[in-house]
Amino acid sequence: MDVRGLVRDPKPRHRVQVGGETYNLFWGDPHCHGALLGETEGEPDELLHFARDHAFLDFVAITDNDSFGIDQLEAQYRLCRAFNSVFYRPGEFAPLDGYEWSCHPPGGDPNHRTVLFRGQGPLFRWTEPGGRDIKALLESMKDVPVILHAHHPRWRLARDPREANVEVCSGWTVAMRHPERIYRALASGHRVGFVGGSDNHRRNPGVGGALTGVYARELSREGIWEALRARRTLATTGARVALEFWVGEAFIGLSLIHISEPTRLGMISYAVFCLK
């Protein structure tokens, strides 16, 4: 039985027109875990089935740790990528390839990243020579379309445009309750958007306490990745609310503007938003 065919709502999605472009609001969980390393639950196909057919997500990223007690094997990494390819349906469901760079050196603070690829990319573990340096991670990806999302209560950003977003809510915490680190990063010139990811360990991505909404041109791997890269994002603790935010004619994530005089701020929200 095709469960999706029974539950999808035919109503059109929330969309916005900006500068002649149409952007649709899609929902996903860009940070969840499975059982490849044994510390969490769920085989890749289980997670993808749940994300698509039970949580009704548009996109998801299974981001198992590169090394958490033991190193993730290349074969395990490729297995997850293979399942992503099987489940990928442009216009319906877009799993992104990636993993979690889980840097936590002995005696030091963690500095984790969700690593997401536009297509496919290499697995560069933090346990490899030089792998504890965020700059080494970025250098290993210099020829690969990739974005990084910082998460957990403590992190140190590199001044690199590929550090696109910061995870401000997850199933473990809501960072915006204590936003000092985020405010300091923004005040110091870092340009980052906000995302929410469940960081779920219990084989139910999409219902673990946080979601990301993206304004994308299309529901494809490339379209979702580009929207995340451009920071056209909303972060919620699980609600699917449509939100528009404008500064003058500038929309979320689309423009860098300089203000020299009072400028109109606009926000439109829709508290009730139907799933698909």
C-alpha atoms as a PDB file:
ATOM      1  CA  MET A   1       0.000   0.000   0.000  1.00  0.00           C
ATOM      2  CA  ASP A   2       1.307   3.464  -0.887  1.00  0.00           C
ATOM      3  CA  VAL A   3       0.753   5.252   2.425  1.00  0.00           C
ATOM      4  CA  ARG A   4       1.816   8.550   0.923  1.00  0.00           C
ATOM      5  CA  GLY A   5      -0.988   8.432  -1.614  1.00  0.00           C
ATOM      6  CA  LEU A   6      -3.535   8.232   1.222  1.00  0.00           C
ATOM      7  CA  VAL A   7      -2.256  11.035   3.414  1.00  0.00           C
ATOM      8  CA  ARG A   8      -0.903  13.769   1.182  1.00  0.00           C
ATOM      9  CA  ASP A   9      -2.882  16.961   1.165  1.00  0.00           C
ATOM     10  CA  PRO A  10      -3.472  18.292  -2.379  1.00  0.00           C
ATOM     11  CA  LYS A  11      -3.464  21.913  -1.204  1.00  0.00           C
ATOM     12  CA  PRO A  12      -0.649  24.001  -2.679  1.00  0.00           C
ATOM     13  CA  ARG A  13       2.390  24.742  -0.569  1.00  0.00           C
ATOM     14  CA  HIS A  14       3.187  28.084   0.892  1.00  0.00           C
ATOM     15  CA  ARG A  15       5.197  30.021  -1.652  1.00  0.00           C
ATOM     16  CA  VAL A  16       6.635  33.461  -2.082  1.00  0.00           C
ATOM     17  CA  GLN A  17       7.590  35.578  -5.083  1.00  0.00           C
ATOM     18  CA  VAL A  18      10.917  37.395  -4.818  1.00  0.00           C
ATOM     19  CA  GLY A  19      12.483  39.264  -7.710  1.00  0.00           C
ATOM     20  CA  GLY A  20      10.626  37.241 -10.324  1.00  0.00           C
ATOM     21  CA  GLU A  21      11.531  33.903  -8.693  1.00  0.00           C
ATOM     22  CA  THR A  22       9.072  31.555  -6.989  1.00  0.00           C
ATOM     23  CA  TYR A  23      10.202  29.801  -3.810  1.00  0.00           C
ATOM     24  CA  ASN A  24       8.239  26.970  -2.180  1.00  0.00           C
ATOM     25  CA  LEU A  25       8.485  26.141   1.520  1.00  0.00           C
ATOM     26  CA  PHE A  26       9.736  22.571   2.079  1.00  0.00           C
ATOM     27  CA  TRP A  27      10.307  20.824   5.410  1.00  0.00           C
ATOM     28  CA  GLY A  28      13.001  18.439   6.529  1.00  0.00           C
ATOM     29  CA  ASP A  29      15.334  17.093   9.189  1.00  0.00           C
ATOM     30  CA  PRO A  30      18.960  17.744   8.182  1.00  0.00           C
ATOM     31  CA  HIS A  31      20.530  16.023  11.205  1.00  0.00           C
ATOM     32  CA  CYS A  32      19.570  12.519  12.332  1.00  0.00           C
ATOM     33  CA  HIS A  33      21.385   9.308  13.165  1.00  0.00           C
ATOM     34  CA  GLY A  34      21.098   5.591  12.510  1.00  0.00           C
ATOM     35  CA  ALA A  35      22.660   2.354  13.664  1.00  0.00           C
ATOM     36  CA  LEU A  36      25.734   2.176  11.430  1.00  0.00           C
ATOM     37  CA  LEU A  37      28.071   2.805  14.358  1.00  0.00           C
ATOM     38  CA  GLY A  38      25.916   0.958  16.882  1.00  0.00           C
ATOM     39  CA  GLU A  39      25.314   3.864  19.274  1.00  0.00           C
ATOM     40  CA  THR A  40      21.836   4.646  17.953  1.00  0.00           C
ATOM     41  CA  GLU A  41      18.881   2.880  16.333  1.00  0.00           C
ATOM     42  CA  GLY A  42      17.646   2.382  12.793  1.00  0.00           C
ATOM     43  CA  GLU A  43      19.042   1.041   9.544  1.00  0.00           C
ATOM     44  CA  PRO A  44      19.243   3.569   6.696  1.00  0.00           C
ATOM     45  CA  ASP A  45      16.174   2.203   4.896  1.00  0.00           C
ATOM     46  CA  GLU A  46      14.148   2.301   8.140  1.00  0.00           C
ATOM     47  CA  LEU A  47      15.049   5.940   8.685  1.00  0.00           C
ATOM     48  CA  LEU A  48      14.245   6.926   5.123  1.00  0.00           C
ATOM     49  CA  HIS A  49      10.910   5.080   5.202  1.00  0.00           C
ATOM     50  CA  PHE A  50       9.965   6.811   8.451  1.00  0.00           C
ATOM     51  CA  ALA A  51      11.028  10.241   7.224  1.00  0.00           C
ATOM     52  CA  ARG A  52       9.045   9.913   4.007  1.00  0.00           C
ATOM     53  CA  ASP A  53       5.975   7.875   4.987  1.00  0.00           C
ATOM     54  CA  HIS A  54       5.385   8.731   8.661  1.00  0.00           C
ATOM     55  CA  ALA A  55       6.970  12.117   9.332  1.00  0.00           C
ATOM     56  CA  PHE A  56       6.022  13.275   5.795  1.00  0.00           C
ATOM     57  CA  LEU A  57       9.276  15.127   5.288  1.00  0.00           C
ATOM     58  CA  ASP A  58      10.365  16.588   1.975  1.00  0.00           C
ATOM     59  CA  PHE A  59      14.053  16.063   2.730  1.00  0.00           C
ATOM     60  CA  VAL A  60      16.241  14.386   5.318  1.00  0.00           C
ATOM     61  CA  ALA A  61      19.935  13.803   5.987  1.00  0.00           C
ATOM     62  CA  ILE A  62      21.218  10.737   7.826  1.00  0.00           C
ATOM     63  CA  THR A  63      24.376  12.128   9.392  1.00  0.00           C
ATOM     64  CA  ASP A  64      26.016   9.309  11.311  1.00  0.00           C
ATOM     65  CA  ASN A  65      29.160  10.230  13.236  1.00  0.00           C
ATOM     66  CA  ASP A  66      32.460   9.950  11.410  1.00  0.00           C
ATOM     67  CA  SER A  67      33.981   8.570  14.605  1.00  0.00           C
ATOM     68  CA  PHE A  68      32.217   7.952  17.892  1.00  0.00           C
ATOM     69  CA  GLY A  69      34.258   5.414  19.848  1.00  0.00           C
ATOM     70  CA  ILE A  70      34.969   3.644  16.555  1.00  0.00           C
ATOM     71  CA  ASP A  71      35.485   5.032  13.061  1.00  0.00           C
ATOM     72  CA  GLN A  72      32.706   4.845  10.522  1.00  0.00           C
ATOM     73  CA  LEU A  73      33.849   2.523   7.739  1.00  0.00           C
ATOM     74  CA  GLU A  74      33.905   3.626   4.132  1.00  0.00           C
ATOM     75  CA  ALA A  75      31.602   0.691   3.328  1.00  0.00           C
ATOM     76  CA  GLN A  76      29.039   1.915   5.876  1.00  0.00           C
ATOM     77  CA  TYR A  77      29.196   5.417   4.476  1.00  0.00           C
ATOM     78  CA  ARG A  78      28.652   4.119   0.943  1.00  0.00           C
ATOM     79  CA  LEU A  79      25.754   1.939   2.083  1.00  0.00           C
ATOM     80  CA  CYS A  80      23.883   4.992   3.369  1.00  0.00           C
ATOM     81  CA  ARG A  81      24.587   6.877   0.148  1.00  0.00           C
ATOM     82  CA  ALA A  82      23.242   3.943  -1.858  1.00  0.00           C
ATOM     83  CA  PHE A  83      19.962   3.930   0.091  1.00  0.00           C
ATOM     84  CA  ASN A  84      19.686   7.693  -0.385  1.00  0.00           C
ATOM     85  CA  SER A  85      19.904   7.178  -4.138  1.00  0.00           C
ATOM     86  CA  VAL A  86      17.230   4.475  -4.074  1.00  0.00           C
ATOM     87  CA  PHE A  87      14.785   6.658  -2.122  1.00  0.00           C
ATOM     88  CA  TYR A  88      15.456   9.862  -4.047  1.00  0.00           C
ATOM     89  CA  ARG A  89      12.456  11.029  -6.065  1.00  0.00           C
ATOM     90  CA  PRO A  90      12.760  14.561  -7.483  1.00  0.00           C
ATOM     91  CA  GLY A  91       9.597  16.491  -6.716  1.00  0.00           C
ATOM     92  CA  GLU A  92       8.655  14.099  -3.896  1.00  0.00           C
ATOM     93  CA  PHE A  93      11.495  13.247  -1.515  1.00  0.00           C
ATOM     94  CA  ALA A  94      15.137  14.330  -1.395  1.00  0.00           C
ATOM     95  CA  PRO A  95      17.603  12.585   0.956  1.00  0.00           C
ATOM     96  CA  LEU A  96      20.912  14.452   1.201  1.00  0.00           C
ATOM     97  CA  ASP A  97      24.274  12.725   1.545  1.00  0.00           C
ATOM     98  CA  GLY A  98      26.407  13.667   4.528  1.00  0.00           C
ATOM     99  CA  TYR A  99      27.734  12.805   7.958  1.00  0.00           C
ATOM    100  CA  GLU A 100      28.614  14.384  11.307  1.00  0.00           C
ATOM    101  CA  TRP A 101      32.180  15.550  11.833  1.00  0.00           C
ATOM    102  CA  SER A 102      32.339  14.769  15.550  1.00  0.00           C
ATOM    103  CA  CYS A 103      35.523  16.477  16.691  1.00  0.00           C
ATOM    104  CA  HIS A 104      35.929  16.065  20.446  1.00  0.00           C
ATOM    105  CA  PRO A 105      39.615  15.898  21.342  1.00  0.00           C
ATOM    106  CA  PRO A 106      40.578  14.635  24.823  1.00  0.00           C
ATOM    107  CA  GLY A 107      40.517  17.517  27.285  1.00  0.00           C
ATOM    108  CA  GLY A 108      39.092  19.904  24.708  1.00  0.00           C
ATOM    109  CA  ASP A 109      35.676  21.253  23.792  1.00  0.00           C
ATOM    110  CA  PRO A 110      33.606  19.581  21.080  1.00  0.00           C
ATOM    111  CA  ASN A 111      33.332  21.383  17.755  1.00  0.00           C
ATOM    112  CA  HIS A 112      30.870  19.306  15.745  1.00  0.00           C
ATOM    113  CA  ARG A 113      29.558  19.927  12.228  1.00  0.00           C
ATOM    114  CA  THR A 114      26.834  18.444  10.101  1.00  0.00           C
ATOM    115  CA  VAL A 115      28.495  18.014   6.695  1.00  0.00           C
ATOM    116  CA  LEU A 116      26.035  18.062   3.766  1.00  0.00           C
ATOM    117  CA  PHE A 117      26.859  17.545   0.098  1.00  0.00           C
ATOM    118  CA  ARG A 118      25.048  18.776  -2.988  1.00  0.00           C
ATOM    119  CA  GLY A 119      25.837  15.423  -4.592  1.00  0.00           C
ATOM    120  CA  GLN A 120      28.308  12.963  -3.136  1.00  0.00           C
ATOM    121  CA  GLY A 121      31.417  13.744  -1.153  1.00  0.00           C
ATOM    122  CA  PRO A 122      34.271  12.138   0.788  1.00  0.00           C
ATOM    123  CA  LEU A 123      34.286  10.988   4.405  1.00  0.00           C
ATOM    124  CA  PHE A 124      37.027  12.941   6.219  1.00  0.00           C
ATOM    125  CA  ARG A 125      37.076  11.803   9.851  1.00  0.00           C
ATOM    126  CA  TRP A 126      38.214  14.010  12.704  1.00  0.00           C
ATOM    127  CA  THR A 127      40.427  11.124  13.877  1.00  0.00           C
ATOM    128  CA  GLU A 128      42.551  11.271  10.719  1.00  0.00           C
ATOM    129  CA  PRO A 129      45.900  13.125  10.715  1.00  0.00           C
ATOM    130  CA  GLY A 130      45.113  16.821  11.027  1.00  0.00           C
ATOM    131  CA  GLY A 131      41.395  16.068  11.204  1.00  0.00           C
ATOM    132  CA  ARG A 132      40.783  17.955  14.453  1.00  0.00           C
ATOM    133  CA  ASP A 133      41.211  21.299  12.704  1.00  0.00           C
ATOM    134  CA  ILE A 134      38.057  22.704  11.109  1.00  0.00           C
ATOM    135  CA  LYS A 135      40.259  24.305   8.456  1.00  0.00           C
ATOM    136  CA  ALA A 136      41.649  20.882   7.549  1.00  0.00           C
ATOM    137  CA  LEU A 137      38.099  19.604   7.110  1.00  0.00           C
ATOM    138  CA  LEU A 138      37.272  22.499   4.801  1.00  0.00           C
ATOM    139  CA  GLU A 139      40.528  22.034   2.888  1.00  0.00           C
ATOM    140  CA  SER A 140      39.697  18.351   2.321  1.00  0.00           C
ATOM    141  CA  MET A 141      36.468  19.494   0.641  1.00  0.00           C
ATOM    142  CA  LYS A 142      37.951  22.311  -1.460  1.00  0.00           C
ATOM    143  CA  ASP A 143      36.772  20.827  -4.766  1.00  0.00           C
ATOM    144  CA  VAL A 144      33.433  19.476  -3.467  1.00  0.00           C
ATOM    145  CA  PRO A 145      30.141  21.418  -3.129  1.00  0.00           C
ATOM    146  CA  VAL A 146      29.608  21.167   0.635  1.00  0.00           C
ATOM    147  CA  ILE A 147      28.032  23.105   3.489  1.00  0.00           C
ATOM    148  CA  LEU A 148      28.648  22.793   7.229  1.00  0.00           C
ATOM    149  CA  HIS A 149      26.236  23.378  10.108  1.00  0.00           C
ATOM    150  CA  ALA A 150      27.606  23.960  13.613  1.00  0.00           C
ATOM    151  CA  HIS A 151      25.625  22.445  16.450  1.00  0.00           C
ATOM    152  CA  HIS A 152      25.578  21.588  20.176  1.00  0.00           C
ATOM    153  CA  PRO A 153      26.044  24.268  22.867  1.00  0.00           C
ATOM    154  CA  ARG A 154      29.711  24.973  22.031  1.00  0.00           C
ATOM    155  CA  TRP A 155      31.382  25.471  18.675  1.00  0.00           C
ATOM    156  CA  ARG A 156      34.020  27.629  16.969  1.00  0.00           C
ATOM    157  CA  LEU A 157      33.251  28.924  13.500  1.00  0.00           C
ATOM    158  CA  ALA A 158      35.761  29.273  10.701  1.00  0.00           C
ATOM    159  CA  ARG A 159      35.478  32.344   8.519  1.00  0.00           C
ATOM    160  CA  ASP A 160      34.397  30.376   5.502  1.00  0.00           C
ATOM    161  CA  PRO A 161      31.172  30.848   3.496  1.00  0.00           C
ATOM    162  CA  ARG A 162      30.633  27.094   3.494  1.00  0.00           C
ATOM    163  CA  GLU A 163      29.764  27.376   7.196  1.00  0.00           C
ATOM    164  CA  ALA A 164      26.238  28.215   6.130  1.00  0.00           C
ATOM    165  CA  ASN A 165      24.035  27.739   9.197  1.00  0.00           C
ATOM    166  CA  VAL A 166      23.955  27.142  12.930  1.00  0.00           C
ATOM    167  CA  GLU A 167      21.602  24.578  14.470  1.00  0.00           C
ATOM    168  CA  VAL A 168      19.612  26.580  17.026  1.00  0.00           C
ATOM    169  CA  CYS A 169      17.237  23.824  18.135  1.00  0.00           C
ATOM    170  CA  SER A 170      17.302  20.040  18.320  1.00  0.00           C
ATOM    171  CA  GLY A 171      15.775  17.210  20.287  1.00  0.00           C
ATOM    172  CA  TRP A 172      18.376  17.878  22.971  1.00  0.00           C
ATOM    173  CA  THR A 173      18.208  21.632  23.474  1.00  0.00           C
ATOM    174  CA  VAL A 174      17.019  24.999  22.210  1.00  0.00           C
ATOM    175  CA  ALA A 175      20.122  27.140  21.844  1.00  0.00           C
ATOM    176  CA  MET A 176      18.118  30.338  21.485  1.00  0.00           C
ATOM    177  CA  ARG A 177      17.206  30.108  25.178  1.00  0.00           C
ATOM    178  CA  HIS A 178      20.832  31.076  25.818  1.00  0.00           C
ATOM    179  CA  PRO A 179      21.766  32.863  22.598  1.00  0.00           C
ATOM    180  CA  GLU A 180      24.920  34.685  23.699  1.00  0.00           C
ATOM    181  CA  ARG A 181      27.272  32.573  21.548  1.00  0.00           C
ATOM    182  CA  ILE A 182      25.058  33.024  18.493  1.00  0.00           C
ATOM    183  CA  TYR A 183      24.780  36.783  19.030  1.00  0.00           C
ATOM    184  CA  ARG A 184      28.564  37.070  19.418  1.00  0.00           C
ATOM    185  CA  ALA A 185      29.106  35.186  16.160  1.00  0.00           C
ATOM    186  CA  LEU A 186      26.697  37.453  14.281  1.00  0.00           C
ATOM    187  CA  ALA A 187      28.135  40.599  15.846  1.00  0.00           C
ATOM    188  CA  SER A 188      31.664  39.563  14.844  1.00  0.00           C
ATOM    189  CA  GLY A 189      30.693  39.349  11.186  1.00  0.00           C
ATOM    190  CA  HIS A 190      29.822  35.687  10.657  1.00  0.00           C
ATOM    191  CA  ARG A 191      26.964  35.347   8.167  1.00  0.00           C
ATOM    192  CA  VAL A 192      24.967  32.279   9.170  1.00  0.00           C
ATOM    193  CA  GLY A 193      21.356  31.201   8.950  1.00  0.00           C
ATOM    194  CA  PHE A 194      19.419  29.130  11.465  1.00  0.00           C
ATOM    195  CA  VAL A 195      18.383  25.485  11.117  1.00  0.00           C
ATOM    196  CA  GLY A 196      16.713  22.910  13.340  1.00  0.00           C
ATOM    197  CA  GLY A 197      17.636  19.228  13.329  1.00  0.00           C
ATOM    198  CA  SER A 198      16.360  16.483  15.590  1.00  0.00           C
ATOM    199  CA  ASP A 199      19.795  14.890  16.143  1.00  0.00           C
ATOM    200  CA  ASN A 200      17.545  11.898  16.641  1.00  0.00           C
ATOM    201  CA  HIS A 201      18.919   8.556  17.900  1.00  0.00           C
ATOM    202  CA  ARG A 202      15.643   6.614  17.969  1.00  0.00           C
ATOM    203  CA  ARG A 203      14.802   5.759  14.318  1.00  0.00           C
ATOM    204  CA  ASN A 204      12.158   8.490  13.967  1.00  0.00           C
ATOM    205  CA  PRO A 205      13.606  11.452  12.047  1.00  0.00           C
ATOM    206  CA  GLY A 206      11.284  14.415  11.689  1.00  0.00           C
ATOM    207  CA  VAL A 207       9.452  13.995  14.996  1.00  0.00           C
ATOM    208  CA  GLY A 208      12.367  14.381  17.382  1.00  0.00           C
ATOM    209  CA  GLY A 209      11.983  18.001  18.432  1.00  0.00           C
ATOM    210  CA  ALA A 210      13.228  20.208  15.591  1.00  0.00           C
ATOM    211  CA  LEU A 211      12.705  20.860  11.883  1.00  0.00           C
ATOM    212  CA  THR A 212      14.095  23.073   9.157  1.00  0.00           C
ATOM    213  CA  GLY A 213      11.950  24.843   6.609  1.00  0.00           C
ATOM    214  CA  VAL A 214      13.641  25.981   3.414  1.00  0.00           C
ATOM    215  CA  TYR A 215      12.453  28.266   0.645  1.00  0.00           C
ATOM    216  CA  ALA A 216      13.636  26.435  -2.466  1.00  0.00           C
ATOM    217  CA  ARG A 217      12.974  26.716  -6.178  1.00  0.00           C
ATOM    218  CA  GLU A 218      12.364  22.985  -6.483  1.00  0.00           C
ATOM    219  CA  LEU A 219      12.204  19.807  -4.440  1.00  0.00           C
ATOM    220  CA  SER A 220      15.441  18.174  -5.513  1.00  0.00           C
ATOM    221  CA  ARG A 221      18.764  17.488  -3.859  1.00  0.00           C
ATOM    222  CA  GLU A 222      20.273  20.436  -5.674  1.00  0.00           C
ATOM    223  CA  GLY A 223      17.320  22.712  -4.856  1.00  0.00           C
ATOM    224  CA  ILE A 224      17.280  21.897  -1.132  1.00  0.00           C
ATOM    225  CA  TRP A 225      21.072  22.142  -0.830  1.00  0.00           C
ATOM    226  CA  GLU A 226      21.112  25.497  -2.621  1.00  0.00           C
ATOM    227  CA  ALA A 227      18.416  26.859  -0.294  1.00  0.00           C
ATOM    228  CA  LEU A 228      20.398  25.727   2.759  1.00  0.00           C
ATOM    229  CA  ARG A 229      23.560  27.221   1.266  1.00  0.00           C
ATOM    230  CA  ALA A 230      21.771  30.531   0.646  1.00  0.00           C
ATOM    231  CA  ARG A 231      20.347  30.528   4.208  1.00  0.00           C
ATOM    232  CA  ARG A 232      16.708  30.716   3.075  1.00  0.00           C
ATOM    233  CA  THR A 233      15.831  28.781   6.216  1.00  0.00           C
ATOM    234  CA  LEU A 234      13.413  28.612   9.145  1.00  0.00           C
ATOM    235  CA  ALA A 235      14.194  26.700  12.342  1.00  0.00           C
ATOM    236  CA  THR A 236      11.386  25.393  14.540  1.00  0.00           C
ATOM    237  CA  THR A 237      11.000  23.007  17.465  1.00  0.00           C
ATOM    238  CA  GLY A 238       8.760  20.805  15.330  1.00  0.00           C
ATOM    239  CA  ALA A 239       5.928  23.061  14.170  1.00  0.00           C
ATOM    240  CA  ARG A 240       5.409  23.595  10.452  1.00  0.00           C
ATOM    241  CA  VAL A 241       4.498  27.246  10.349  1.00  0.00           C
ATOM    242  CA  ALA A 242       4.937  29.428   7.308  1.00  0.00           C
ATOM    243  CA  LEU A 243       6.932  32.549   8.047  1.00  0.00           C
ATOM    244  CA  GLU A 244       8.028  35.374   5.773  1.00  0.00           C
ATOM    245  CA  PHE A 245      10.523  37.978   6.926  1.00  0.00           C
ATOM    246  CA  TRP A 246      11.411  41.057   4.925  1.00  0.00           C
ATOM    247  CA  VAL A 247      13.713  44.031   5.378  1.00  0.00           C
ATOM    248  CA  GLY A 248      12.559  46.468   2.762  1.00  0.00           C
ATOM    249  CA  GLU A 249      12.539  44.364  -0.408  1.00  0.00           C
ATOM    250  CA  ALA A 250      15.113  41.880   0.926  1.00  0.00           C
ATOM    251  CA  PHE A 251      13.852  38.392   1.808  1.00  0.00           C
ATOM    252  CA  ILE A 252      15.300  35.715   4.101  1.00  0.00           C
ATOM    253  CA  GLY A 253      18.780  34.740   3.003  1.00  0.00           C
ATOM    254  CA  LEU A 254      18.634  36.377  -0.405  1.00  0.00           C
ATOM    255  CA  SER A 255      20.245  39.756   0.033  1.00  0.00           C
ATOM    256  CA  LEU A 256      22.963  41.652   1.834  1.00  0.00           C
ATOM    257  CA  ILE A 257      21.750  45.201   2.272  1.00  0.00           C
ATOM    258  CA  HIS A 258      23.179  48.333   3.860  1.00  0.00           C
ATOM    259  CA  ILE A 259      20.716  50.507   5.753  1.00  0.00           C
ATOM    260  CA  SER A 260      21.335  54.227   6.192  1.00  0.00           C
ATOM    261  CA  GLU A 261      17.810  55.295   7.044  1.00  0.00           C
ATOM    262  CA  PRO A 262      14.716  53.827   8.706  1.00  0.00           C
ATOM    263  CA  THR A 263      13.620  50.755   6.747  1.00  0.00           C
ATOM    264  CA  ARG A 264      10.397  48.798   6.804  1.00  0.00           C
ATOM    265  CA  LEU A 265      10.536  45.441   8.576  1.00  0.00           C
ATOM    266  CA  GLY A 266       7.856  42.962   7.631  1.00  0.00           C
ATOM    267  CA  MET A 267       6.927  39.571   9.046  1.00  0.00           C
ATOM    268  CA  ILE A 268       4.004  37.389   8.043  1.00  0.00           C
ATOM    269  CA  SER A 269       3.309  34.110   9.825  1.00  0.00           C
ATOM    270  CA  TYR A 270       0.669  31.444   9.376  1.00  0.00           C
ATOM    271  CA  ALA A 271       0.124  29.584  12.619  1.00  0.00           C
ATOM    272  CA  VAL A 272      -1.739  26.679  11.009  1.00  0.00           C
ATOM    273  CA  PHE A 273      -0.002  25.075   8.055  1.00  0.00           C
ATOM    274  CA  CYS A 274      -1.153  21.806   6.494  1.00  0.00           C
ATOM    275  CA  LEU A 275       1.207  18.939   5.776  1.00  0.00           C
ATOM    276  CA  LYS A 276       1.461  18.361   2.036  1.00  0.00           C
END
